[in-house]
Amino acid sequence: MKQINKNAYRSYNNQSNMPRKAGLNLFDSLASTDDKFKKFLSKEISQGNAFDFFSTLGKHSAGLDYEKLDSHFSQFNGSYYINEQWTQHRKDDVKLAKFYNIYKNCSDLDLKTFKKLKVSKANAKESESLIRSKIIDDILPIISKIFLDNADDTFYSDKIRVSLSHIKNKGKNMVLGNCYSKGADVNEQKFSQIHLNIQTAYNLDGTIKWSIVNFEDMLEVLIHELVHATDDCKSSHGKAFAKICDKVGLQSATTKNGKPSYTSTKPNDSFKEMYKEVIEIGKDWVFTEWAFNKPVKESKTVNYKCPVCSSRFSITNVASKHGAVNHYCNHNGTDFEDEEMAEMQEVEKKKPIHISKNK
């Protein structure tokens, strides 16, 4: 096969390098002459789009075979270097050449796996929307009636908005859900806003403590937040809140000063029977855990101390670049300013001294 000088790039639609004819990348070259490829017109050059494109070529284009693609991409001679001064269509074709090489070397199993993963990722947002729709359309009206039957108090399901999102934690314990009063809604129509955390909570031994992937885990937190919505968040976790919880299937999960605390709740013995209709709907609950469970880096703080003036400083979430350098102290602002700089030494965190008042 004849190799073309890499410095004499020829676009697919202008192999002869005719003057005054605009060059196009392979996507746009074929899309401009064949309607079957118009969906790729001016599309982003990504691996997913490229794989779809090459697959489409194999299925629909009788006049184009892979030998022609080999010939077109051979001009890059296996080099995928991109010069920023090149024309955009040339840079696009270099990317396509790289993806084409990967595509040719993929087995059918690899391609099926890639396609399945791509579809899963594309549906991640849609999946979340469907879950929210099911909560609002199917589950909330049923729970509203259960509240009214058992607690003589309830919420209006058409005045509730539920979202699934990452919730930032303010303390040491993960916040599984939030309920915001109608006063927090800036829109003219006031809604109670409930947020459910899509992050998984773990026990100290690494086992799962709570996960939104588990329908009953989600349901317990949703009901806790709906109890807040019954009085528009006015009673916080006080006596009125606890009274409703007891009647709608929740009990205290913690204690404070020796008394039950409803800051955290868990299902009581009547929970499953009370919500059996809702739990039946939950059998269709679909949630792609991989789409949301991102590994959380543990915070690592390193403490340093100057051996001369005893100055200290700390680095939080140490990156590799911090570990690759030495830290020095110039003793500025101390009685040792005239001394030479000294290398800081890693030390354990200084513990506070507790002085007992007892004699």
Protein backbone atom coordinates (compact mmCIF):
# COMPACT_ATOMS: atom_id res chain seq x y z
CA MET A 1 0.00 0.00 0.00
CA LYS A 2 1.42 3.36 -1.01
CA GLN A 3 2.38 5.61 1.88
CA ILE A 4 1.69 9.34 1.55
CA ASN A 5 4.08 11.89 2.93
CA LYS A 6 2.75 12.89 6.34
CA ASN A 7 3.46 16.53 5.56
CA ALA A 8 1.26 16.37 2.44
CA TYR A 9 -2.05 15.66 4.12
CA ARG A 10 -5.00 15.01 1.81
CA SER A 11 -8.56 15.26 3.07
CA TYR A 12 -10.94 12.47 2.09
CA ASN A 13 -13.07 14.77 -0.06
CA ASN A 14 -10.06 16.33 -1.82
CA GLN A 15 -7.50 13.61 -2.49
CA SER A 16 -5.87 15.65 -5.25
CA ASN A 17 -5.46 18.72 -3.04
CA MET A 18 -7.32 20.85 -5.54
CA PRO A 19 -7.05 24.56 -4.71
CA ARG A 20 -10.13 26.46 -3.56
CA LYS A 21 -11.85 23.27 -2.45
CA ALA A 22 -12.50 23.22 1.28
CA GLY A 23 -11.17 20.14 3.03
CA LEU A 24 -13.46 18.12 5.31
CA ASN A 25 -12.79 15.45 7.90
CA LEU A 26 -13.97 11.90 7.15
CA PHE A 27 -17.24 12.37 9.08
CA ASP A 28 -18.23 15.47 7.14
CA SER A 29 -16.90 14.18 3.79
CA LEU A 30 -19.25 11.21 3.78
CA ALA A 31 -22.16 13.02 5.42
CA SER A 32 -22.09 15.63 2.64
CA THR A 33 -22.57 12.96 -0.06
CA ASP A 34 -24.61 10.23 1.66
CA ASP A 35 -27.74 10.80 3.77
CA LYS A 36 -26.99 7.68 5.82
CA PHE A 37 -24.14 9.54 7.52
CA LYS A 38 -25.81 12.90 8.12
CA LYS A 39 -26.28 12.11 11.80
CA PHE A 40 -22.49 12.33 12.12
CA LEU A 41 -22.30 15.74 10.44
CA SER A 42 -20.12 18.06 12.53
CA LYS A 43 -20.29 15.65 15.48
CA GLU A 44 -17.67 15.69 18.19
CA ILE A 45 -14.78 13.36 17.38
CA SER A 46 -14.97 10.97 20.34
CA GLN A 47 -14.27 7.25 20.60
CA GLY A 48 -17.97 6.47 20.97
CA ASN A 49 -19.00 8.46 17.92
CA ALA A 50 -16.09 7.07 15.91
CA PHE A 51 -17.03 3.47 16.77
CA ASP A 52 -20.64 4.14 15.75
CA PHE A 53 -19.41 5.67 12.51
CA PHE A 54 -17.15 2.75 11.56
CA SER A 55 -19.93 0.32 12.41
CA THR A 56 -22.35 2.27 10.18
CA LEU A 57 -19.85 2.12 7.33
CA GLY A 58 -19.71 -1.65 7.59
CA LYS A 59 -23.51 -2.03 7.58
CA HIS A 60 -24.69 0.47 4.98
CA SER A 61 -22.02 1.58 2.58
CA ALA A 62 -21.67 -0.87 -0.31
CA GLY A 63 -19.36 1.47 -2.21
CA LEU A 64 -16.94 2.00 0.65
CA ASP A 65 -14.84 -0.75 2.17
CA TYR A 66 -12.29 -0.76 4.94
CA GLU A 67 -9.42 -0.84 2.43
CA LYS A 68 -10.30 2.71 1.46
CA LEU A 69 -10.22 3.70 5.12
CA ASP A 70 -6.85 1.97 5.48
CA SER A 71 -5.59 3.94 2.50
CA HIS A 72 -6.88 7.24 3.84
CA PHE A 73 -5.49 6.77 7.33
CA SER A 74 -2.18 5.35 6.14
CA GLN A 75 -0.99 8.88 5.37
CA PHE A 76 -0.49 9.38 9.11
CA ASN A 77 1.85 6.37 9.16
CA GLY A 78 0.72 5.29 12.65
CA SER A 79 1.60 8.68 14.18
CA TYR A 80 -1.19 10.52 15.99
CA TYR A 81 0.72 13.71 16.71
CA ILE A 82 -1.38 16.86 16.31
CA ASN A 83 0.08 20.26 15.52
CA GLU A 84 -2.22 23.02 16.77
CA GLN A 85 -1.45 25.05 13.64
CA TRP A 86 -3.01 22.43 11.38
CA THR A 87 -6.49 22.87 9.94
CA GLN A 88 -9.32 21.56 12.08
CA HIS A 89 -10.34 18.83 9.61
CA ARG A 90 -6.77 17.49 9.57
CA LYS A 91 -6.67 17.35 13.37
CA ASP A 92 -10.06 15.60 13.34
CA ASP A 93 -8.78 12.99 10.91
CA VAL A 94 -5.76 12.27 13.11
CA LYS A 95 -8.14 11.54 15.99
CA LEU A 96 -10.26 9.34 13.73
CA ALA A 97 -7.15 7.46 12.58
CA LYS A 98 -6.31 6.68 16.21
CA PHE A 99 -9.84 5.47 16.99
CA TYR A 100 -9.94 3.48 13.74
CA ASN A 101 -6.80 1.61 14.77
CA ILE A 102 -8.43 0.76 18.14
CA TYR A 103 -11.66 -0.27 16.40
CA LYS A 104 -9.90 -2.62 13.98
CA ASN A 105 -8.12 -4.39 16.84
CA CYS A 106 -11.26 -4.84 18.97
CA SER A 107 -12.93 -8.22 19.09
CA ASP A 108 -16.70 -8.48 18.59
CA LEU A 109 -17.03 -9.06 22.34
CA ASP A 110 -15.10 -5.86 23.09
CA LEU A 111 -17.36 -3.87 20.77
CA LYS A 112 -20.54 -5.28 22.34
CA THR A 113 -19.23 -4.45 25.81
CA PHE A 114 -18.34 -0.93 24.71
CA LYS A 115 -21.78 -0.41 23.17
CA LYS A 116 -23.54 -1.68 26.31
CA LEU A 117 -21.47 0.62 28.53
CA LYS A 118 -22.13 3.58 26.25
CA VAL A 119 -25.89 3.00 26.37
CA SER A 120 -25.77 2.68 30.17
CA LYS A 121 -23.92 5.98 30.52
CA ALA A 122 -26.25 7.73 28.10
CA ASN A 123 -29.24 6.57 30.14
CA ALA A 124 -27.82 7.54 33.55
CA LYS A 125 -29.52 10.95 33.64
CA GLU A 126 -32.68 9.56 32.10
CA SER A 127 -32.70 6.81 34.73
CA GLU A 128 -32.55 9.38 37.52
CA SER A 129 -35.45 11.29 35.94
CA LEU A 130 -37.55 8.13 35.72
CA ILE A 131 -36.89 7.35 39.39
CA ARG A 132 -37.94 10.85 40.42
CA SER A 133 -41.08 10.54 38.31
CA LYS A 134 -41.97 7.23 39.96
CA ILE A 135 -41.49 8.71 43.44
CA ILE A 136 -43.75 11.68 42.68
CA ASP A 137 -46.38 9.97 40.52
CA ASP A 138 -46.74 6.60 42.24
CA ILE A 139 -45.28 6.61 45.73
CA LEU A 140 -46.07 9.99 47.28
CA PRO A 141 -49.89 9.81 46.99
CA ILE A 142 -49.88 6.38 48.68
CA ILE A 143 -47.62 7.56 51.52
CA SER A 144 -49.77 10.68 51.94
CA LYS A 145 -52.84 8.50 52.57
CA ILE A 146 -50.89 6.29 55.03
CA PHE A 147 -49.90 9.41 57.00
CA LEU A 148 -53.51 10.60 57.12
CA ASP A 149 -54.85 7.20 58.20
CA ASN A 150 -52.28 6.68 60.96
CA ALA A 151 -51.18 10.11 62.16
CA ASP A 152 -54.20 12.32 61.36
CA ASP A 153 -51.69 14.60 59.66
CA THR A 154 -50.21 14.53 56.18
CA PHE A 155 -48.65 16.47 53.32
CA TYR A 156 -49.98 17.34 49.87
CA SER A 157 -48.17 15.13 47.36
CA ASP A 158 -48.60 17.69 44.58
CA LYS A 159 -46.70 20.22 46.72
CA ILE A 160 -43.61 18.05 47.10
CA ARG A 161 -40.55 18.07 44.85
CA VAL A 162 -37.95 15.31 45.21
CA SER A 163 -34.43 15.38 43.80
CA LEU A 164 -31.56 12.88 43.92
CA SER A 165 -28.17 14.49 44.35
CA HIS A 166 -24.85 14.56 46.19
CA ILE A 167 -25.34 16.19 49.59
CA LYS A 168 -22.28 17.76 51.19
CA ASN A 169 -21.74 16.67 54.76
CA LYS A 170 -21.27 19.30 57.45
CA GLY A 171 -20.34 16.89 60.25
CA LYS A 172 -18.79 13.48 60.72
CA ASN A 173 -22.00 11.63 59.83
CA MET A 174 -23.30 11.44 56.27
CA VAL A 175 -26.51 13.39 55.64
CA LEU A 176 -28.88 11.03 53.85
CA GLY A 177 -31.64 13.51 53.14
CA ASN A 178 -32.83 17.11 53.54
CA CYS A 179 -36.23 18.78 53.54
CA TYR A 180 -36.53 22.49 52.82
CA SER A 181 -39.60 24.50 53.77
CA LYS A 182 -41.82 26.15 51.21
CA GLY A 183 -40.37 29.48 52.27
CA ALA A 184 -37.05 28.43 50.74
CA ASP A 185 -38.66 28.07 47.30
CA VAL A 186 -38.00 31.18 45.20
CA ASN A 187 -40.72 30.28 42.68
CA GLU A 188 -44.21 31.73 42.85
CA GLN A 189 -45.73 28.29 43.46
CA LYS A 190 -44.25 27.15 46.77
CA PHE A 191 -43.10 23.54 47.12
CA SER A 192 -41.44 21.56 49.87
CA GLN A 193 -38.07 20.48 48.48
CA ILE A 194 -36.68 17.07 49.45
CA HIS A 195 -33.15 16.02 48.54
CA LEU A 196 -32.03 12.40 48.81
CA ASN A 197 -28.32 11.59 48.88
CA ILE A 198 -27.12 9.30 46.08
CA GLN A 199 -23.86 8.53 47.89
CA THR A 200 -23.52 5.22 49.72
CA ALA A 201 -22.86 5.24 53.49
CA TYR A 202 -20.48 2.63 54.90
CA ASN A 203 -19.89 1.07 58.31
CA LEU A 204 -16.42 1.11 59.84
CA ASP A 205 -15.83 -2.47 58.68
CA GLY A 206 -16.50 -1.47 55.06
CA THR A 207 -19.97 -3.01 54.79
CA ILE A 208 -22.80 -0.92 53.33
CA LYS A 209 -24.81 0.95 55.96
CA TRP A 210 -27.22 2.71 53.63
CA SER A 211 -27.59 2.92 49.87
CA ILE A 212 -30.16 4.57 47.65
CA VAL A 213 -29.79 1.54 45.38
CA ASN A 214 -31.72 -0.35 48.08
CA PHE A 215 -35.35 0.71 47.75
CA GLU A 216 -36.24 0.25 51.44
CA ASP A 217 -33.20 2.31 52.49
CA MET A 218 -34.40 5.11 50.23
CA LEU A 219 -38.00 4.74 51.44
CA GLU A 220 -37.07 5.13 55.13
CA VAL A 221 -35.18 8.39 54.47
CA LEU A 222 -37.93 9.68 52.17
CA ILE A 223 -40.56 9.10 54.88
CA HIS A 224 -38.35 10.85 57.47
CA GLU A 225 -38.18 13.91 55.21
CA LEU A 226 -41.92 13.75 54.48
CA VAL A 227 -42.61 13.93 58.22
CA HIS A 228 -40.76 17.27 58.14
CA ALA A 229 -42.98 18.35 55.23
CA THR A 230 -46.19 17.77 57.21
CA ASP A 231 -45.60 20.92 59.27
CA ASP A 232 -43.32 22.68 56.77
CA CYS A 233 -40.20 21.88 58.84
CA LYS A 234 -41.38 23.91 61.86
CA SER A 235 -40.84 21.30 64.59
CA SER A 236 -37.37 20.17 63.46
CA HIS A 237 -36.72 16.86 65.31
CA GLY A 238 -38.75 17.83 68.38
CA LYS A 239 -41.70 16.25 70.14
CA ALA A 240 -44.23 16.92 67.38
CA PHE A 241 -41.88 15.36 64.82
CA ALA A 242 -41.25 12.31 67.05
CA LYS A 243 -44.98 11.82 67.62
CA ILE A 244 -45.69 11.58 63.89
CA CYS A 245 -42.66 9.32 63.31
CA ASP A 246 -43.95 6.83 65.86
CA LYS A 247 -47.29 6.66 64.04
CA VAL A 248 -45.93 6.33 60.48
CA GLY A 249 -43.47 3.48 60.97
CA LEU A 250 -40.29 5.15 62.24
CA GLN A 251 -38.45 5.00 65.54
CA SER A 252 -35.45 6.72 67.06
CA ALA A 253 -32.08 5.37 65.93
CA THR A 254 -29.94 7.36 68.39
CA THR A 255 -30.03 8.77 71.90
CA LYS A 256 -29.13 12.16 73.32
CA ASN A 257 -28.59 12.70 77.04
CA GLY A 258 -30.05 9.26 77.66
CA LYS A 259 -33.27 10.02 75.76
CA PRO A 260 -34.38 8.89 72.26
CA SER A 261 -33.26 11.29 69.53
CA TYR A 262 -35.12 11.47 66.24
CA THR A 263 -32.32 13.23 64.36
CA SER A 264 -31.69 9.79 62.91
CA THR A 265 -34.52 7.27 62.50
CA LYS A 266 -34.99 3.68 61.41
CA PRO A 267 -38.02 1.53 60.52
CA ASN A 268 -40.02 0.14 63.43
CA ASP A 269 -41.79 -3.25 63.57
CA SER A 270 -44.87 -2.00 61.68
CA PHE A 271 -42.92 -0.39 58.81
CA LYS A 272 -43.01 -3.22 56.25
CA GLU A 273 -46.68 -4.01 56.79
CA MET A 274 -47.64 -0.32 56.71
CA TYR A 275 -45.81 0.31 53.41
CA LYS A 276 -46.29 -3.07 51.73
CA GLU A 277 -48.05 -1.49 48.73
CA VAL A 278 -45.17 0.97 48.27
CA ILE A 279 -42.56 -1.76 48.71
CA GLU A 280 -44.32 -3.80 46.02
CA ILE A 281 -43.86 -0.89 43.62
CA GLY A 282 -40.22 -0.77 44.71
CA LYS A 283 -39.58 -4.19 43.17
CA ASP A 284 -39.22 -2.35 39.85
CA TRP A 285 -36.70 0.06 41.38
CA VAL A 286 -33.71 0.42 39.05
CA PHE A 287 -30.66 2.40 40.02
CA THR A 288 -27.26 2.18 38.37
CA GLU A 289 -24.94 2.20 41.37
CA TRP A 290 -21.79 2.52 39.23
CA ALA A 291 -23.01 5.85 37.88
CA PHE A 292 -22.93 7.52 41.28
CA ASN A 293 -20.56 5.67 43.61
CA LYS A 294 -17.34 7.54 43.10
CA PRO A 295 -14.43 6.55 45.35
CA VAL A 296 -13.90 9.10 48.08
CA LYS A 297 -10.29 9.88 48.86
CA GLU A 298 -9.46 9.70 52.52
CA SER A 299 -8.14 12.94 53.91
CA LYS A 300 -4.49 12.63 54.85
CA THR A 301 -2.88 15.44 56.80
CA VAL A 302 0.89 15.62 57.24
CA ASN A 303 2.34 17.83 59.97
CA TYR A 304 5.78 19.44 59.81
CA LYS A 305 7.94 21.09 62.47
CA CYS A 306 11.09 23.20 62.18
CA PRO A 307 13.94 21.69 64.29
CA VAL A 308 15.35 25.18 64.94
CA CYS A 309 12.48 27.55 65.76
CA SER A 310 9.74 24.91 66.31
CA SER A 311 7.39 26.54 63.78
CA ARG A 312 4.73 24.17 62.50
CA PHE A 313 2.50 23.81 59.46
CA SER A 314 0.24 21.15 57.99
CA ILE A 315 -0.68 19.95 54.50
CA THR A 316 -4.16 18.53 54.05
CA ASN A 317 -4.97 15.96 51.34
CA VAL A 318 -1.32 15.47 50.49
CA ALA A 319 -0.73 15.19 46.78
CA SER A 320 2.18 13.31 45.26
CA LYS A 321 3.79 16.61 44.29
CA HIS A 322 3.94 17.59 47.98
CA GLY A 323 5.62 14.36 48.91
CA ALA A 324 8.24 14.84 46.22
CA VAL A 325 9.68 18.09 47.61
CA ASN A 326 11.42 19.16 50.77
CA HIS A 327 10.01 21.95 52.91
CA TYR A 328 12.28 24.55 54.51
CA CYS A 329 11.75 27.16 57.22
CA ASN A 330 13.40 30.61 57.21
CA HIS A 331 12.37 31.27 60.86
CA ASN A 332 10.70 34.55 59.86
CA GLY A 333 9.06 36.30 62.84
CA THR A 334 10.90 34.20 65.42
CA ASP A 335 13.99 34.73 67.59
CA PHE A 336 15.96 32.59 65.13
CA GLU A 337 15.74 34.82 62.03
CA ASP A 338 19.55 35.01 61.79
CA GLU A 339 19.88 31.23 61.60
CA GLU A 340 20.19 29.43 58.28
CA MET A 341 17.10 27.84 56.74
CA ALA A 342 16.35 24.41 58.10
CA GLU A 343 14.50 21.51 56.52
CA MET A 344 11.10 20.91 58.12
CA GLN A 345 10.60 17.48 59.67
CA GLU A 346 7.42 15.41 59.62
CA VAL A 347 5.96 14.99 63.12
CA GLU A 348 2.81 13.64 64.73
CA LYS A 349 -0.02 16.06 65.31
CA LYS A 350 0.44 18.01 68.51
CA LYS A 351 -2.18 16.90 71.01
CA PRO A 352 -3.83 19.47 73.28
CA ILE A 353 -2.83 19.44 76.94
CA HIS A 354 -5.78 18.91 79.29
CA ILE A 355 -5.31 20.38 82.76
CA SER A 356 -7.46 18.83 85.44
CA LYS A 357 -9.16 21.17 87.88
CA ASN A 358 -9.34 18.45 90.50
CA LYS A 359 -6.76 18.68 93.23
